[in-house]
Amino acid sequence: MRIGIFSDTHANLEALEAVLECFRVARVDKLVCLGDTVGYGADPNGCCDLVRKHAAFCILGNHDAAVAGRMDYSYYYDAARQALDLHSGILTDENMLWLQTLPYERREGNICYCHGSPVNLEEFEYIFSMEQAARCLPYWDQLADVTFIGHSHLCKAFALSRGEVHEVVAQKFEVRPGYRYIISVGSVGQPRDYDNRASYCIYDDQSRMFEFRRVAYDIDAAAQKIFEANLEPNFGNRLYIGV
């Protein structure tokens, strides 16, 4: 089965539509969303509607949890809190209920899907460095063969043996037996690796081949909506440079 995996749309409808079209052209068999459909951007309902329609399932992200009243976000910086408060006030009842019922994790065979680290799921800990990935080594036996995560907005992959962590620096690679992989799939709506194209991934669970992919989208349209909304303008500016 060819699985399309994406995360961190952050209410960027233009980016999500571009990624969904790529998945359609690629003829994937199933779509999985790793969370943070809301936050930062101008189209929370439009994005929730599309994810609900097209994804086989979606994982709870930290911004989703905040908007849905499932975590305390009082320590977030002012502009992020303002966006979350705005989204909480404009989400439809259907989309709010959907966010309130999303799971922290889903396992299917030898694959795990979650938003942050697979350890201490409710803490939404980041994994974008070898040091952070190494914190999972004591739990090696409990890890799935491959764990897909979002949260960092970075495209990163790590292969864990029982005692070491190796960073995988290829765009396309095979998930090899004897290792546990943790793969951060990047961000649809707000990449932070200085590549402003939307990020998405495809994994074939039969050949065990994984691939990072990118697609350009209408950044002007997405940013202009942010500028016209009651949102921090920098949320639009950063889309142009991918940070």
C-alpha atoms as a PDB file:
ATOM      1  CA  MET A   1       0.000   0.000   0.000  1.00  0.00           C
ATOM      2  CA  ARG A   2       1.221   3.494  -0.879  1.00  0.00           C
ATOM      3  CA  ILE A   3       0.520   5.784   2.058  1.00  0.00           C
ATOM      4  CA  GLY A   4       0.488   9.567   1.685  1.00  0.00           C
ATOM      5  CA  ILE A   5       1.568  11.249   4.924  1.00  0.00           C
ATOM      6  CA  PHE A   6       1.370  14.941   5.769  1.00  0.00           C
ATOM      7  CA  SER A   7       1.375  17.191   8.813  1.00  0.00           C
ATOM      8  CA  ASP A   8       1.243  20.741  10.148  1.00  0.00           C
ATOM      9  CA  THR A   9      -1.107  22.298   7.613  1.00  0.00           C
ATOM     10  CA  HIS A  10      -1.725  25.176  10.036  1.00  0.00           C
ATOM     11  CA  ALA A  11      -4.820  26.545   8.320  1.00  0.00           C
ATOM     12  CA  ASN A  12      -3.006  27.099   5.013  1.00  0.00           C
ATOM     13  CA  LEU A  13      -5.678  26.057   2.526  1.00  0.00           C
ATOM     14  CA  GLU A  14      -3.680  26.843  -0.617  1.00  0.00           C
ATOM     15  CA  ALA A  15      -0.806  24.615   0.499  1.00  0.00           C
ATOM     16  CA  LEU A  16      -3.120  21.790   1.509  1.00  0.00           C
ATOM     17  CA  GLU A  17      -4.966  21.854  -1.802  1.00  0.00           C
ATOM     18  CA  ALA A  18      -1.649  21.630  -3.682  1.00  0.00           C
ATOM     19  CA  VAL A  19      -0.522  18.657  -1.583  1.00  0.00           C
ATOM     20  CA  LEU A  20      -3.815  16.831  -1.978  1.00  0.00           C
ATOM     21  CA  GLU A  21      -3.569  17.240  -5.742  1.00  0.00           C
ATOM     22  CA  CYS A  22      -0.076  15.734  -5.655  1.00  0.00           C
ATOM     23  CA  PHE A  23      -1.385  12.760  -3.718  1.00  0.00           C
ATOM     24  CA  ARG A  24      -4.166  12.344  -6.295  1.00  0.00           C
ATOM     25  CA  VAL A  25      -1.700  12.361  -9.184  1.00  0.00           C
ATOM     26  CA  ALA A  26       0.613   9.950  -7.328  1.00  0.00           C
ATOM     27  CA  ARG A  27      -2.332   7.552  -6.848  1.00  0.00           C
ATOM     28  CA  VAL A  28      -1.679   6.852  -3.182  1.00  0.00           C
ATOM     29  CA  ASP A  29      -3.951   4.304  -1.533  1.00  0.00           C
ATOM     30  CA  LYS A  30      -4.455   6.066   1.790  1.00  0.00           C
ATOM     31  CA  LEU A  31      -3.832   9.480   3.341  1.00  0.00           C
ATOM     32  CA  VAL A  32      -2.748  10.041   6.937  1.00  0.00           C
ATOM     33  CA  CYS A  33      -2.532  13.421   8.673  1.00  0.00           C
ATOM     34  CA  LEU A  34      -0.213  13.836  11.668  1.00  0.00           C
ATOM     35  CA  GLY A  35      -1.959  16.838  13.156  1.00  0.00           C
ATOM     36  CA  ASP A  36      -1.824  20.601  13.609  1.00  0.00           C
ATOM     37  CA  THR A  37      -4.452  21.286  10.984  1.00  0.00           C
ATOM     38  CA  VAL A  38      -5.183  24.587  12.771  1.00  0.00           C
ATOM     39  CA  GLY A  39      -3.096  27.456  14.159  1.00  0.00           C
ATOM     40  CA  TYR A  40      -1.216  30.358  12.504  1.00  0.00           C
ATOM     41  CA  GLY A  41      -3.130  30.553   9.199  1.00  0.00           C
ATOM     42  CA  ALA A  42      -6.388  31.993   7.926  1.00  0.00           C
ATOM     43  CA  ASP A  43      -8.453  28.931   6.881  1.00  0.00           C
ATOM     44  CA  PRO A  44      -8.961  26.592   9.849  1.00  0.00           C
ATOM     45  CA  ASN A  45     -12.407  25.403   8.788  1.00  0.00           C
ATOM     46  CA  GLY A  46     -11.474  24.883   5.150  1.00  0.00           C
ATOM     47  CA  CYS A  47      -8.454  22.823   6.138  1.00  0.00           C
ATOM     48  CA  CYS A  48     -10.333  20.780   8.734  1.00  0.00           C
ATOM     49  CA  ASP A  49     -13.035  20.058   6.177  1.00  0.00           C
ATOM     50  CA  LEU A  50     -10.513  18.776   3.624  1.00  0.00           C
ATOM     51  CA  VAL A  51      -8.548  16.657   6.103  1.00  0.00           C
ATOM     52  CA  ARG A  52     -11.753  15.137   7.431  1.00  0.00           C
ATOM     53  CA  LYS A  53     -12.857  14.369   3.871  1.00  0.00           C
ATOM     54  CA  HIS A  54      -9.652  12.906   2.476  1.00  0.00           C
ATOM     55  CA  ALA A  55      -7.562  11.445   5.316  1.00  0.00           C
ATOM     56  CA  ALA A  56      -8.211   7.916   6.509  1.00  0.00           C
ATOM     57  CA  PHE A  57      -7.415   9.247   9.975  1.00  0.00           C
ATOM     58  CA  CYS A  58      -5.728  12.176  11.676  1.00  0.00           C
ATOM     59  CA  ILE A  59      -3.544  12.424  14.780  1.00  0.00           C
ATOM     60  CA  LEU A  60      -3.899  15.137  17.438  1.00  0.00           C
ATOM     61  CA  GLY A  61      -1.339  17.945  17.202  1.00  0.00           C
ATOM     62  CA  ASN A  62      -0.507  20.426  19.942  1.00  0.00           C
ATOM     63  CA  HIS A  63      -2.302  23.303  18.193  1.00  0.00           C
ATOM     64  CA  ASP A  64      -5.318  21.045  17.665  1.00  0.00           C
ATOM     65  CA  ALA A  65      -5.259  20.165  21.365  1.00  0.00           C
ATOM     66  CA  ALA A  66      -5.034  23.827  22.349  1.00  0.00           C
ATOM     67  CA  VAL A  67      -7.957  24.914  20.166  1.00  0.00           C
ATOM     68  CA  ALA A  68     -10.044  21.968  21.348  1.00  0.00           C
ATOM     69  CA  GLY A  69      -9.486  22.745  25.032  1.00  0.00           C
ATOM     70  CA  ARG A  70      -7.367  19.653  25.608  1.00  0.00           C
ATOM     71  CA  MET A  71      -4.214  21.397  26.842  1.00  0.00           C
ATOM     72  CA  ASP A  72      -3.055  24.588  28.530  1.00  0.00           C
ATOM     73  CA  TYR A  73      -1.447  26.971  26.055  1.00  0.00           C
ATOM     74  CA  SER A  74      -1.115  30.002  28.304  1.00  0.00           C
ATOM     75  CA  TYR A  75       2.690  29.765  27.984  1.00  0.00           C
ATOM     76  CA  TYR A  76       2.585  30.151  24.176  1.00  0.00           C
ATOM     77  CA  TYR A  77       3.785  33.498  22.867  1.00  0.00           C
ATOM     78  CA  ASP A  78       1.148  36.191  22.337  1.00  0.00           C
ATOM     79  CA  ALA A  79       0.670  35.934  18.566  1.00  0.00           C
ATOM     80  CA  ALA A  80       0.323  32.136  18.643  1.00  0.00           C
ATOM     81  CA  ARG A  81      -2.220  32.346  21.478  1.00  0.00           C
ATOM     82  CA  GLN A  82      -4.159  34.978  19.552  1.00  0.00           C
ATOM     83  CA  ALA A  83      -4.384  32.714  16.494  1.00  0.00           C
ATOM     84  CA  LEU A  84      -5.517  29.778  18.608  1.00  0.00           C
ATOM     85  CA  ASP A  85      -8.135  31.889  20.341  1.00  0.00           C
ATOM     86  CA  LEU A  86      -9.381  33.139  16.967  1.00  0.00           C
ATOM     87  CA  HIS A  87      -9.607  29.648  15.529  1.00  0.00           C
ATOM     88  CA  SER A  88     -11.384  28.350  18.609  1.00  0.00           C
ATOM     89  CA  GLY A  89     -14.032  31.009  18.100  1.00  0.00           C
ATOM     90  CA  ILE A  90     -14.684  30.401  14.404  1.00  0.00           C
ATOM     91  CA  LEU A  91     -14.481  26.617  14.054  1.00  0.00           C
ATOM     92  CA  THR A  92     -17.750  24.914  13.178  1.00  0.00           C
ATOM     93  CA  ASP A  93     -19.263  22.586  15.747  1.00  0.00           C
ATOM     94  CA  GLU A  94     -18.394  19.616  13.521  1.00  0.00           C
ATOM     95  CA  ASN A  95     -14.745  20.588  13.227  1.00  0.00           C
ATOM     96  CA  MET A  96     -14.431  21.349  16.940  1.00  0.00           C
ATOM     97  CA  LEU A  97     -15.896  17.956  17.840  1.00  0.00           C
ATOM     98  CA  TRP A  98     -13.491  16.307  15.400  1.00  0.00           C
ATOM     99  CA  LEU A  99     -10.482  17.969  17.062  1.00  0.00           C
ATOM    100  CA  GLN A 100     -11.789  17.029  20.492  1.00  0.00           C
ATOM    101  CA  THR A 101     -11.810  13.332  19.573  1.00  0.00           C
ATOM    102  CA  LEU A 102      -8.504  12.960  17.698  1.00  0.00           C
ATOM    103  CA  PRO A 103      -6.073  10.335  19.105  1.00  0.00           C
ATOM    104  CA  TYR A 104      -2.517  11.004  20.271  1.00  0.00           C
ATOM    105  CA  GLU A 105      -1.225   7.954  18.424  1.00  0.00           C
ATOM    106  CA  ARG A 106      -2.248   5.253  16.010  1.00  0.00           C
ATOM    107  CA  ARG A 107      -0.434   2.005  15.277  1.00  0.00           C
ATOM    108  CA  GLU A 108      -1.033  -0.109  12.219  1.00  0.00           C
ATOM    109  CA  GLY A 109       1.146  -3.188  11.980  1.00  0.00           C
ATOM    110  CA  ASN A 110       4.790  -2.095  12.129  1.00  0.00           C
ATOM    111  CA  ILE A 111       3.969   1.605  11.631  1.00  0.00           C
ATOM    112  CA  CYS A 112       3.285   4.218  14.318  1.00  0.00           C
ATOM    113  CA  TYR A 113       1.799   7.650  13.661  1.00  0.00           C
ATOM    114  CA  CYS A 114       1.996  10.483  16.209  1.00  0.00           C
ATOM    115  CA  HIS A 115       2.583  14.229  16.237  1.00  0.00           C
ATOM    116  CA  GLY A 116       5.707  14.582  18.376  1.00  0.00           C
ATOM    117  CA  SER A 117       7.983  12.070  20.050  1.00  0.00           C
ATOM    118  CA  PRO A 118       6.459   8.593  20.495  1.00  0.00           C
ATOM    119  CA  VAL A 119       7.642   8.786  24.118  1.00  0.00           C
ATOM    120  CA  ASN A 120       5.397  10.789  26.469  1.00  0.00           C
ATOM    121  CA  LEU A 121       2.864  11.479  23.737  1.00  0.00           C
ATOM    122  CA  GLU A 122       0.941  14.177  25.590  1.00  0.00           C
ATOM    123  CA  GLU A 123       4.104  16.259  26.033  1.00  0.00           C
ATOM    124  CA  PHE A 124       4.503  16.820  22.266  1.00  0.00           C
ATOM    125  CA  GLU A 125       8.297  16.699  22.476  1.00  0.00           C
ATOM    126  CA  TYR A 126      10.322  17.614  19.398  1.00  0.00           C
ATOM    127  CA  ILE A 127      12.573  15.281  17.456  1.00  0.00           C
ATOM    128  CA  PHE A 128      14.673  17.075  14.862  1.00  0.00           C
ATOM    129  CA  SER A 129      18.214  16.269  16.048  1.00  0.00           C
ATOM    130  CA  MET A 130      20.193  13.124  16.759  1.00  0.00           C
ATOM    131  CA  GLU A 131      20.312  14.043  20.447  1.00  0.00           C
ATOM    132  CA  GLN A 132      16.527  14.221  20.622  1.00  0.00           C
ATOM    133  CA  ALA A 133      16.139  10.968  18.709  1.00  0.00           C
ATOM    134  CA  ALA A 134      18.592   9.314  21.121  1.00  0.00           C
ATOM    135  CA  ARG A 135      16.127   9.878  23.968  1.00  0.00           C
ATOM    136  CA  CYS A 136      14.051   7.127  22.372  1.00  0.00           C
ATOM    137  CA  LEU A 137      16.841   4.524  22.575  1.00  0.00           C
ATOM    138  CA  PRO A 138      15.781   3.194  26.019  1.00  0.00           C
ATOM    139  CA  TYR A 139      12.393   2.415  24.462  1.00  0.00           C
ATOM    140  CA  TRP A 140      13.812   0.673  21.377  1.00  0.00           C
ATOM    141  CA  ASP A 141      11.878  -2.555  21.944  1.00  0.00           C
ATOM    142  CA  GLN A 142       8.588  -0.651  22.218  1.00  0.00           C
ATOM    143  CA  LEU A 143       9.134   1.424  19.068  1.00  0.00           C
ATOM    144  CA  ALA A 144       7.478   0.467  15.791  1.00  0.00           C
ATOM    145  CA  ASP A 145       9.682  -0.329  12.798  1.00  0.00           C
ATOM    146  CA  VAL A 146       8.890   3.161  11.530  1.00  0.00           C
ATOM    147  CA  THR A 147       7.351   6.068  13.418  1.00  0.00           C
ATOM    148  CA  PHE A 148       6.076   9.050  11.443  1.00  0.00           C
ATOM    149  CA  ILE A 149       5.912  12.377  13.259  1.00  0.00           C
ATOM    150  CA  GLY A 150       5.346  16.058  12.523  1.00  0.00           C
ATOM    151  CA  HIS A 151       5.620  19.010  14.919  1.00  0.00           C
ATOM    152  CA  SER A 152       9.086  20.389  14.044  1.00  0.00           C
ATOM    153  CA  HIS A 153       8.109  21.486  10.500  1.00  0.00           C
ATOM    154  CA  LEU A 154      11.410  19.945   9.349  1.00  0.00           C
ATOM    155  CA  CYS A 155      12.102  17.010   7.034  1.00  0.00           C
ATOM    156  CA  LYS A 156      14.317  14.730   9.107  1.00  0.00           C
ATOM    157  CA  ALA A 157      14.859  10.984   9.353  1.00  0.00           C
ATOM    158  CA  PHE A 158      16.723   8.945  11.956  1.00  0.00           C
ATOM    159  CA  ALA A 159      17.591   5.248  12.053  1.00  0.00           C
ATOM    160  CA  LEU A 160      18.019   3.807  15.543  1.00  0.00           C
ATOM    161  CA  SER A 161      19.912   0.635  16.281  1.00  0.00           C
ATOM    162  CA  ARG A 162      19.817  -0.688  19.838  1.00  0.00           C
ATOM    163  CA  GLY A 163      22.636   1.598  20.920  1.00  0.00           C
ATOM    164  CA  GLU A 164      23.122   4.291  18.279  1.00  0.00           C
ATOM    165  CA  VAL A 165      21.296   6.897  16.226  1.00  0.00           C
ATOM    166  CA  HIS A 166      22.120   7.647  12.592  1.00  0.00           C
ATOM    167  CA  GLU A 167      20.651  10.523  10.600  1.00  0.00           C
ATOM    168  CA  VAL A 168      19.377   9.524   7.161  1.00  0.00           C
ATOM    169  CA  VAL A 169      20.167  12.324   4.717  1.00  0.00           C
ATOM    170  CA  ALA A 170      18.492  10.975   1.562  1.00  0.00           C
ATOM    171  CA  GLN A 171      15.266  12.217   0.002  1.00  0.00           C
ATOM    172  CA  LYS A 172      14.292   8.632  -0.798  1.00  0.00           C
ATOM    173  CA  PHE A 173      15.431   5.554   1.102  1.00  0.00           C
ATOM    174  CA  GLU A 174      14.503   2.046   2.212  1.00  0.00           C
ATOM    175  CA  VAL A 175      13.377   1.324   5.755  1.00  0.00           C
ATOM    176  CA  ARG A 176      15.804  -1.498   6.534  1.00  0.00           C
ATOM    177  CA  PRO A 177      15.230  -4.432   8.898  1.00  0.00           C
ATOM    178  CA  GLY A 178      16.999  -4.295  12.246  1.00  0.00           C
ATOM    179  CA  TYR A 179      16.472  -0.582  12.818  1.00  0.00           C
ATOM    180  CA  ARG A 180      13.734   1.613  14.236  1.00  0.00           C
ATOM    181  CA  TYR A 181      13.099   4.694  12.112  1.00  0.00           C
ATOM    182  CA  ILE A 182      11.713   8.015  13.297  1.00  0.00           C
ATOM    183  CA  ILE A 183      10.756  10.208  10.356  1.00  0.00           C
ATOM    184  CA  SER A 184       9.660  13.830  10.667  1.00  0.00           C
ATOM    185  CA  VAL A 185       7.569  14.579   7.588  1.00  0.00           C
ATOM    186  CA  GLY A 186       7.887  18.368   7.466  1.00  0.00           C
ATOM    187  CA  SER A 187       5.039  20.859   7.150  1.00  0.00           C
ATOM    188  CA  VAL A 188       2.360  21.445   4.543  1.00  0.00           C
ATOM    189  CA  GLY A 189       1.484  24.962   5.581  1.00  0.00           C
ATOM    190  CA  GLN A 190       4.529  26.448   7.288  1.00  0.00           C
ATOM    191  CA  PRO A 191       7.891  24.843   6.374  1.00  0.00           C
ATOM    192  CA  ARG A 192      10.846  25.950   8.477  1.00  0.00           C
ATOM    193  CA  ASP A 193      13.841  24.678   6.517  1.00  0.00           C
ATOM    194  CA  TYR A 194      14.184  27.696   4.176  1.00  0.00           C
ATOM    195  CA  ASP A 195      12.324  25.842   1.431  1.00  0.00           C
ATOM    196  CA  ASN A 196       8.939  27.542   1.104  1.00  0.00           C
ATOM    197  CA  ARG A 197       7.320  24.711  -0.823  1.00  0.00           C
ATOM    198  CA  ALA A 198       4.751  22.540   0.956  1.00  0.00           C
ATOM    199  CA  SER A 199       6.142  19.251   2.253  1.00  0.00           C
ATOM    200  CA  TYR A 200       4.519  15.827   2.005  1.00  0.00           C
ATOM    201  CA  CYS A 201       5.683  12.195   1.985  1.00  0.00           C
ATOM    202  CA  ILE A 202       4.891   8.830   0.467  1.00  0.00           C
ATOM    203  CA  TYR A 203       5.667   5.467   2.076  1.00  0.00           C
ATOM    204  CA  ASP A 204       5.176   2.081   0.415  1.00  0.00           C
ATOM    205  CA  ASP A 205       4.673  -0.457   3.200  1.00  0.00           C
ATOM    206  CA  GLN A 206       5.397  -3.380   0.852  1.00  0.00           C
ATOM    207  CA  SER A 207       8.702  -2.236  -0.654  1.00  0.00           C
ATOM    208  CA  ARG A 208       9.405  -0.235   2.552  1.00  0.00           C
ATOM    209  CA  MET A 209      10.507   2.723   0.436  1.00  0.00           C
ATOM    210  CA  PHE A 210      10.022   6.221   1.826  1.00  0.00           C
ATOM    211  CA  GLU A 211      10.246   9.546  -0.031  1.00  0.00           C
ATOM    212  CA  PHE A 212      10.170  13.225   0.970  1.00  0.00           C
ATOM    213  CA  ARG A 213       8.428  15.407  -1.624  1.00  0.00           C
ATOM    214  CA  ARG A 214       7.738  19.153  -2.070  1.00  0.00           C
ATOM    215  CA  VAL A 215       5.321  21.195  -4.129  1.00  0.00           C
ATOM    216  CA  ALA A 216       5.018  24.921  -4.831  1.00  0.00           C
ATOM    217  CA  TYR A 217       1.709  26.611  -4.067  1.00  0.00           C
ATOM    218  CA  ASP A 218       0.124  30.075  -4.176  1.00  0.00           C
ATOM    219  CA  ILE A 219       1.946  31.701  -1.264  1.00  0.00           C
ATOM    220  CA  ASP A 220       0.670  35.150  -2.206  1.00  0.00           C
ATOM    221  CA  ALA A 221      -2.939  34.070  -1.730  1.00  0.00           C
ATOM    222  CA  ALA A 222      -2.268  32.316   1.586  1.00  0.00           C
ATOM    223  CA  ALA A 223      -0.241  35.227   2.967  1.00  0.00           C
ATOM    224  CA  GLN A 224      -2.747  37.869   1.866  1.00  0.00           C
ATOM    225  CA  LYS A 225      -5.507  36.114   3.797  1.00  0.00           C
ATOM    226  CA  ILE A 226      -3.352  36.272   6.907  1.00  0.00           C
ATOM    227  CA  PHE A 227      -2.625  39.982   6.370  1.00  0.00           C
ATOM    228  CA  GLU A 228      -6.354  40.665   6.073  1.00  0.00           C
ATOM    229  CA  ALA A 229      -7.289  38.646   9.159  1.00  0.00           C
ATOM    230  CA  ASN A 230      -6.755  39.482  12.804  1.00  0.00           C
ATOM    231  CA  LEU A 231      -3.485  37.538  12.804  1.00  0.00           C
ATOM    232  CA  GLU A 232       0.186  38.357  13.298  1.00  0.00           C
ATOM    233  CA  PRO A 233       1.483  39.565   9.865  1.00  0.00           C
ATOM    234  CA  ASN A 234       4.724  37.650  10.351  1.00  0.00           C
ATOM    235  CA  PHE A 235       2.729  34.419   9.992  1.00  0.00           C
ATOM    236  CA  GLY A 236       2.249  35.476   6.371  1.00  0.00           C
ATOM    237  CA  ASN A 237       5.741  36.886   5.849  1.00  0.00           C
ATOM    238  CA  ARG A 238       7.441  33.696   6.971  1.00  0.00           C
ATOM    239  CA  LEU A 239       5.649  31.666   4.274  1.00  0.00           C
ATOM    240  CA  TYR A 240       7.762  33.383   1.611  1.00  0.00           C
ATOM    241  CA  ILE A 241      11.095  32.334   3.092  1.00  0.00           C
ATOM    242  CA  GLY A 242      10.140  29.017   4.659  1.00  0.00           C
ATOM    243  CA  VAL A 243      10.954  29.681   8.312  1.00  0.00           C
END
